[in-house]
Amino acid sequence: MKKILLVCAAGMSTSLLVTKMKAHATSIGEEIEIEALPVSEASNVVDDMDIVMLGPQVRYQKPQVDELVQGRIPVVVIDMKDYGMLNGKAVLEKAFAEIN
C-alpha cells in the first residue's frame, strides 16, 4: 500500500482532492492511504509516507519539507491546474510516477 501525504494550508479543497484521488485509486484497483495535513503537522507522520505532495498555495514551504524528509522520499508540488480542477486522477498518477 502506498502512503501519500498532501500538505495544505487549511484543508477544505485538499480534502476534496483526497476524495477524488481515493476514488481513482479504487477504480484502478490500487490500495492507497492519503493524509492531508498542514505543514506544521507533517513532521508527525512524514516518516511513514512514500511521498509528500504540496498544494500549490504552500509551494513556498517545499524547502522546509525537503529538510524534514532529508531526501528519503520525493517531495513534489501539485500542478496548480490539477489542484484547482480537483483532478484526482492526474495528481494520483503523478504520485505513482514519483514513487516508482
Protein backbone atom coordinates (compact mmCIF):
# COMPACT_ATOMS: atom_id res chain seq x y z
CA MET A 1 0.00 0.00 0.00
CA LYS A 2 1.29 3.40 -0.99
CA LYS A 3 1.07 6.22 1.55
CA ILE A 4 0.69 9.80 0.34
CA LEU A 5 0.84 12.97 2.40
CA LEU A 6 -0.79 16.09 0.99
CA VAL A 7 0.44 19.27 2.64
CA CYS A 8 -2.00 22.15 2.51
CA ALA A 9 -2.97 25.41 4.16
CA ALA A 10 -6.41 24.91 5.71
CA GLY A 11 -7.58 21.66 4.22
CA MET A 12 -11.01 22.11 2.64
CA SER A 13 -10.05 21.93 -1.03
CA THR A 14 -7.37 19.37 -0.23
CA SER A 15 -9.90 17.06 1.43
CA LEU A 16 -11.98 17.19 -1.76
CA LEU A 17 -8.87 16.28 -3.77
CA VAL A 18 -8.19 13.36 -1.40
CA THR A 19 -11.69 12.04 -2.08
CA LYS A 20 -11.12 12.23 -5.86
CA MET A 21 -7.72 10.55 -5.57
CA LYS A 22 -9.15 7.70 -3.48
CA ALA A 23 -11.98 7.23 -5.98
CA HIS A 24 -9.50 6.94 -8.84
CA ALA A 25 -7.32 4.51 -6.88
CA THR A 26 -10.34 2.31 -6.22
CA SER A 27 -11.31 2.40 -9.90
CA ILE A 28 -7.87 1.07 -10.92
CA GLY A 29 -7.58 -1.44 -8.08
CA GLU A 30 -4.83 0.35 -6.12
CA GLU A 31 -4.72 0.48 -2.35
CA ILE A 32 -3.57 3.83 -1.03
CA GLU A 33 -3.59 5.79 2.18
CA ILE A 34 -3.75 9.57 1.92
CA GLU A 35 -3.46 12.11 4.70
CA ALA A 36 -3.92 15.85 4.29
CA LEU A 37 -2.24 17.99 6.91
CA PRO A 38 -0.82 21.48 7.34
CA VAL A 39 2.98 21.65 7.17
CA SER A 40 3.10 22.26 10.92
CA GLU A 41 1.80 18.70 11.47
CA ALA A 42 3.69 16.98 8.64
CA SER A 43 6.68 16.12 10.81
CA ASN A 44 4.45 13.82 12.91
CA VAL A 45 3.71 11.45 10.00
CA VAL A 46 6.31 12.05 7.28
CA ASP A 47 8.44 9.04 8.29
CA ASP A 48 5.57 6.69 7.39
CA MET A 49 4.91 8.18 3.94
CA ASP A 50 6.08 7.24 0.43
CA ILE A 51 5.70 10.77 -0.97
CA VAL A 52 4.80 14.29 0.13
CA MET A 53 2.75 16.41 -2.25
CA LEU A 54 2.35 20.12 -1.57
CA GLY A 55 -0.67 22.13 -2.59
CA PRO A 56 0.33 24.99 -4.88
CA GLN A 57 -0.67 27.53 -2.22
CA VAL A 58 2.08 26.20 0.09
CA ARG A 59 4.80 25.55 -2.51
CA TYR A 60 6.97 28.12 -0.73
CA GLN A 61 7.26 25.58 2.12
CA LYS A 62 8.99 22.99 -0.08
CA PRO A 63 12.47 23.70 1.39
CA GLN A 64 11.09 23.12 4.89
CA VAL A 65 9.51 19.81 3.85
CA ASP A 66 12.66 18.78 1.93
CA GLU A 67 14.57 19.24 5.17
CA LEU A 68 12.05 17.08 7.04
CA VAL A 69 12.36 14.13 4.62
CA GLN A 70 16.12 14.53 4.01
CA GLY A 71 15.93 13.01 0.53
CA ARG A 72 14.31 9.79 1.78
CA ILE A 73 11.11 10.29 -0.25
CA PRO A 74 10.03 12.58 -3.09
CA VAL A 75 8.57 16.00 -2.32
CA VAL A 76 6.60 17.48 -5.22
CA VAL A 77 4.32 20.46 -5.75
CA ILE A 78 0.91 19.58 -7.17
CA ASP A 79 0.21 21.22 -10.52
CA MET A 80 -1.94 24.31 -9.95
CA LYS A 81 -4.38 23.40 -12.73
CA ASP A 82 -4.83 19.82 -11.48
CA TYR A 83 -5.29 21.09 -7.94
CA GLY A 84 -7.79 23.76 -8.93
CA MET A 85 -9.83 21.34 -11.03
CA LEU A 86 -9.65 18.64 -8.31
CA ASN A 87 -8.16 16.27 -10.88
CA GLY A 88 -7.57 13.34 -8.53
CA LYS A 89 -6.59 11.06 -11.41
CA ALA A 90 -3.76 13.33 -12.59
CA VAL A 91 -2.48 14.01 -9.07
CA LEU A 92 -2.52 10.31 -8.17
CA GLU A 93 -0.75 9.35 -11.39
CA LYS A 94 1.91 11.98 -10.65
CA ALA A 95 2.37 10.50 -7.17
CA PHE A 96 2.72 6.96 -8.55
CA ALA A 97 5.22 8.15 -11.18
CA GLU A 98 7.36 9.80 -8.49
CA ILE A 99 7.19 6.83 -6.11
CA ASN A 100 8.09 4.19 -8.71
